[in-house]
């Protein structure tokens, strides 16, 4: 149902994670935790709210991480 969520921070991911990368990881997480690939209509709102919350938390985490020994800009 759900493949492993990839690491989104440099240097594992070349460059910075995009909003699409972050949302895809959040969607995978919510799918795995909920056990639903796609929610039924009566669960869609709470499912999407969870994806949004996980995406925001992920962006905040990535924005606050200090990656030591990283070469290049950033």
N, C-alpha and C. Protein backbone atom coordinates (compact mmCIF):
# COMPACT_ATOMS: atom_id res chain seq x y z
N UNK A 1 0.82 -1.19 0.00
CA UNK A 1 0.00 0.00 0.00
C UNK A 1 0.86 1.25 0.00
N UNK A 2 1.94 1.25 0.75
CA UNK A 2 2.71 2.48 0.92
C UNK A 2 4.19 2.16 0.89
N UNK A 3 4.90 2.75 -0.05
CA UNK A 3 6.34 2.56 -0.08
C UNK A 3 6.98 3.41 1.00
N UNK A 4 8.25 3.18 1.20
CA UNK A 4 8.98 3.98 2.19
C UNK A 4 8.97 5.45 1.79
N UNK A 5 8.83 6.29 2.78
CA UNK A 5 8.88 7.73 2.53
C UNK A 5 10.36 8.10 2.39
N UNK A 6 10.69 8.81 1.32
CA UNK A 6 12.10 9.14 1.09
C UNK A 6 12.55 10.30 1.98
N UNK A 7 13.85 10.33 2.23
CA UNK A 7 14.45 11.43 2.99
C UNK A 7 14.38 12.69 2.15
N UNK A 8 13.97 13.79 2.75
CA UNK A 8 13.77 15.03 2.00
C UNK A 8 14.82 16.10 2.28
N UNK A 9 15.81 15.79 3.07
CA UNK A 9 16.81 16.83 3.37
C UNK A 9 18.09 16.57 2.58
N UNK A 10 18.79 17.65 2.24
CA UNK A 10 20.10 17.49 1.62
C UNK A 10 21.04 16.86 2.63
N UNK A 11 22.04 16.14 2.26
CA UNK A 11 22.45 15.87 0.89
C UNK A 11 21.76 14.66 0.28
N UNK A 12 20.86 14.00 0.99
CA UNK A 12 20.19 12.82 0.44
C UNK A 12 19.36 13.22 -0.78
N UNK A 13 18.59 14.28 -0.66
CA UNK A 13 17.82 14.81 -1.78
C UNK A 13 18.63 15.95 -2.38
N UNK A 14 19.00 15.84 -3.66
CA UNK A 14 19.76 16.95 -4.24
C UNK A 14 18.92 18.21 -4.28
N UNK A 15 19.43 19.27 -3.73
CA UNK A 15 18.66 20.52 -3.65
C UNK A 15 17.67 20.47 -2.50
N UNK A 16 16.82 21.47 -2.44
CA UNK A 16 15.82 21.57 -1.38
C UNK A 16 14.56 20.82 -1.78
N UNK A 17 13.85 20.31 -0.81
CA UNK A 17 12.58 19.63 -1.07
C UNK A 17 11.56 20.66 -1.55
N UNK A 18 10.81 20.29 -2.56
CA UNK A 18 9.76 21.18 -3.06
C UNK A 18 8.48 20.98 -2.26
N UNK A 19 7.54 21.88 -2.44
CA UNK A 19 6.23 21.72 -1.79
C UNK A 19 5.58 20.40 -2.24
N UNK A 20 5.78 20.04 -3.51
CA UNK A 20 5.23 18.78 -4.02
C UNK A 20 5.87 17.58 -3.35
N UNK A 21 7.19 17.62 -3.13
CA UNK A 21 7.89 16.54 -2.43
C UNK A 21 7.33 16.38 -1.02
N UNK A 22 7.16 17.50 -0.34
CA UNK A 22 6.68 17.49 1.05
C UNK A 22 5.25 16.97 1.11
N UNK A 23 4.40 17.42 0.21
CA UNK A 23 3.00 16.97 0.20
C UNK A 23 2.91 15.48 -0.11
N UNK A 24 3.74 14.99 -1.05
CA UNK A 24 3.72 13.57 -1.39
C UNK A 24 4.11 12.71 -0.18
N UNK A 25 5.12 13.16 0.56
CA UNK A 25 5.53 12.43 1.76
C UNK A 25 4.43 12.46 2.82
N UNK A 26 3.79 13.61 2.98
CA UNK A 26 2.69 13.73 3.95
C UNK A 26 1.53 12.82 3.57
N UNK A 27 1.22 12.76 2.29
CA UNK A 27 0.14 11.90 1.82
C UNK A 27 0.47 10.43 2.09
N UNK A 28 1.72 10.03 1.82
CA UNK A 28 2.12 8.64 2.09
C UNK A 28 1.98 8.33 3.58
N UNK A 29 2.40 9.25 4.41
CA UNK A 29 2.31 9.06 5.85
C UNK A 29 0.86 8.87 6.30
N UNK A 30 -0.02 9.76 5.87
CA UNK A 30 -1.42 9.70 6.27
C UNK A 30 -2.08 8.42 5.73
N UNK A 31 -1.73 8.04 4.51
CA UNK A 31 -2.25 6.78 3.97
C UNK A 31 -1.84 5.60 4.83
N UNK A 32 -0.57 5.57 5.21
CA UNK A 32 -0.06 4.46 6.01
C UNK A 32 -0.73 4.41 7.38
N UNK A 33 -0.80 5.54 8.04
CA UNK A 33 -1.36 5.59 9.39
C UNK A 33 -2.86 5.28 9.38
N UNK A 34 -3.58 5.80 8.39
CA UNK A 34 -5.03 5.61 8.35
C UNK A 34 -5.42 4.23 7.80
N UNK A 35 -4.54 3.66 7.00
CA UNK A 35 -4.88 2.40 6.36
C UNK A 35 -5.72 2.55 5.12
N UNK A 36 -5.92 3.78 4.66
CA UNK A 36 -6.71 4.04 3.46
C UNK A 36 -5.84 4.66 2.38
N UNK A 37 -5.91 4.12 1.16
CA UNK A 37 -5.20 4.73 0.04
C UNK A 37 -5.93 6.01 -0.36
N UNK A 38 -7.24 5.92 -0.39
CA UNK A 38 -8.09 7.08 -0.68
C UNK A 38 -9.26 7.03 0.30
N UNK A 39 -9.58 8.14 0.92
CA UNK A 39 -10.65 8.12 1.92
C UNK A 39 -12.03 8.07 1.26
N UNK A 40 -12.98 7.51 1.98
CA UNK A 40 -14.38 7.58 1.56
C UNK A 40 -14.83 9.03 1.68
N UNK A 41 -15.89 9.35 1.01
CA UNK A 41 -16.38 10.73 1.00
C UNK A 41 -16.58 11.29 2.40
N UNK A 42 -17.08 10.47 3.32
CA UNK A 42 -17.34 10.96 4.67
C UNK A 42 -16.06 11.16 5.49
N UNK A 43 -14.92 10.68 5.00
CA UNK A 43 -13.63 10.88 5.69
C UNK A 43 -12.69 11.84 4.94
N UNK A 44 -13.11 12.30 3.79
CA UNK A 44 -12.22 13.10 2.94
C UNK A 44 -11.71 14.36 3.62
N UNK A 45 -12.61 15.07 4.30
CA UNK A 45 -12.22 16.34 4.93
C UNK A 45 -11.15 16.13 6.01
N UNK A 46 -11.35 15.18 6.88
CA UNK A 46 -10.38 14.93 7.95
C UNK A 46 -9.07 14.36 7.39
N UNK A 47 -9.16 13.55 6.34
CA UNK A 47 -7.98 13.00 5.67
C UNK A 47 -7.13 14.13 5.09
N UNK A 48 -7.76 15.02 4.34
CA UNK A 48 -7.04 16.14 3.72
C UNK A 48 -6.48 17.10 4.77
N UNK A 49 -7.22 17.31 5.85
CA UNK A 49 -6.72 18.17 6.93
C UNK A 49 -5.47 17.55 7.55
N UNK A 50 -5.45 16.24 7.69
CA UNK A 50 -4.28 15.56 8.24
C UNK A 50 -3.09 15.69 7.29
N UNK A 51 -3.31 15.52 6.00
CA UNK A 51 -2.23 15.68 5.03
C UNK A 51 -1.66 17.11 5.11
N UNK A 52 -2.53 18.10 5.18
CA UNK A 52 -2.09 19.50 5.29
C UNK A 52 -1.26 19.72 6.56
N UNK A 53 -1.73 19.16 7.69
CA UNK A 53 -1.02 19.34 8.96
C UNK A 53 0.35 18.67 8.93
N UNK A 54 0.42 17.47 8.38
CA UNK A 54 1.70 16.77 8.30
C UNK A 54 2.64 17.51 7.34
N UNK A 55 2.12 18.02 6.24
CA UNK A 55 2.96 18.78 5.30
C UNK A 55 3.52 20.04 5.96
N UNK A 56 2.69 20.75 6.73
CA UNK A 56 3.17 21.95 7.43
C UNK A 56 4.25 21.59 8.44
N UNK A 57 4.03 20.53 9.21
CA UNK A 57 5.02 20.11 10.20
C UNK A 57 6.32 19.67 9.53
N UNK A 58 6.20 19.01 8.39
CA UNK A 58 7.39 18.57 7.65
C UNK A 58 8.17 19.76 7.13
N UNK A 59 7.49 20.74 6.56
CA UNK A 59 8.16 21.94 6.06
C UNK A 59 8.85 22.68 7.19
N UNK A 60 8.18 22.76 8.35
CA UNK A 60 8.79 23.42 9.51
C UNK A 60 10.03 22.67 9.98
N UNK A 61 9.95 21.36 10.03
CA UNK A 61 11.09 20.54 10.42
C UNK A 61 12.26 20.75 9.46
N UNK A 62 12.01 20.64 8.17
CA UNK A 62 13.08 20.79 7.18
C UNK A 62 13.68 22.19 7.23
N UNK A 63 12.84 23.19 7.45
CA UNK A 63 13.32 24.56 7.53
C UNK A 63 14.18 24.83 8.75
N UNK A 64 13.98 24.06 9.80
CA UNK A 64 14.73 24.27 11.03
C UNK A 64 15.95 23.39 11.22
N UNK A 65 16.09 22.37 10.38
CA UNK A 65 17.23 21.47 10.52
C UNK A 65 18.53 22.16 10.15
N UNK A 66 19.56 21.87 10.90
CA UNK A 66 20.90 22.34 10.57
C UNK A 66 21.67 21.13 10.12
N UNK A 67 22.04 21.11 8.84
CA UNK A 67 22.77 19.98 8.27
C UNK A 67 24.24 20.36 8.26
N UNK A 68 25.00 19.79 9.15
CA UNK A 68 26.42 20.13 9.27
C UNK A 68 27.24 19.40 8.24
N UNK A 69 28.31 20.04 7.81
CA UNK A 69 29.19 19.45 6.83
C UNK A 69 28.65 19.48 5.42
N UNK A 70 27.56 20.19 5.23
CA UNK A 70 26.96 20.29 3.92
C UNK A 70 27.75 21.26 3.07
N UNK A 71 28.00 20.90 1.83
CA UNK A 71 28.72 21.80 0.93
C UNK A 71 27.72 22.49 0.02
N UNK A 72 28.09 23.63 -0.46
CA UNK A 72 27.23 24.38 -1.36
C UNK A 72 26.40 25.38 -0.62
N UNK A 73 25.52 26.13 -1.35
CA UNK A 73 24.70 27.16 -0.71
C UNK A 73 23.67 26.54 0.22
N UNK A 74 23.27 27.31 1.23
CA UNK A 74 22.22 26.83 2.10
C UNK A 74 22.58 26.96 3.47
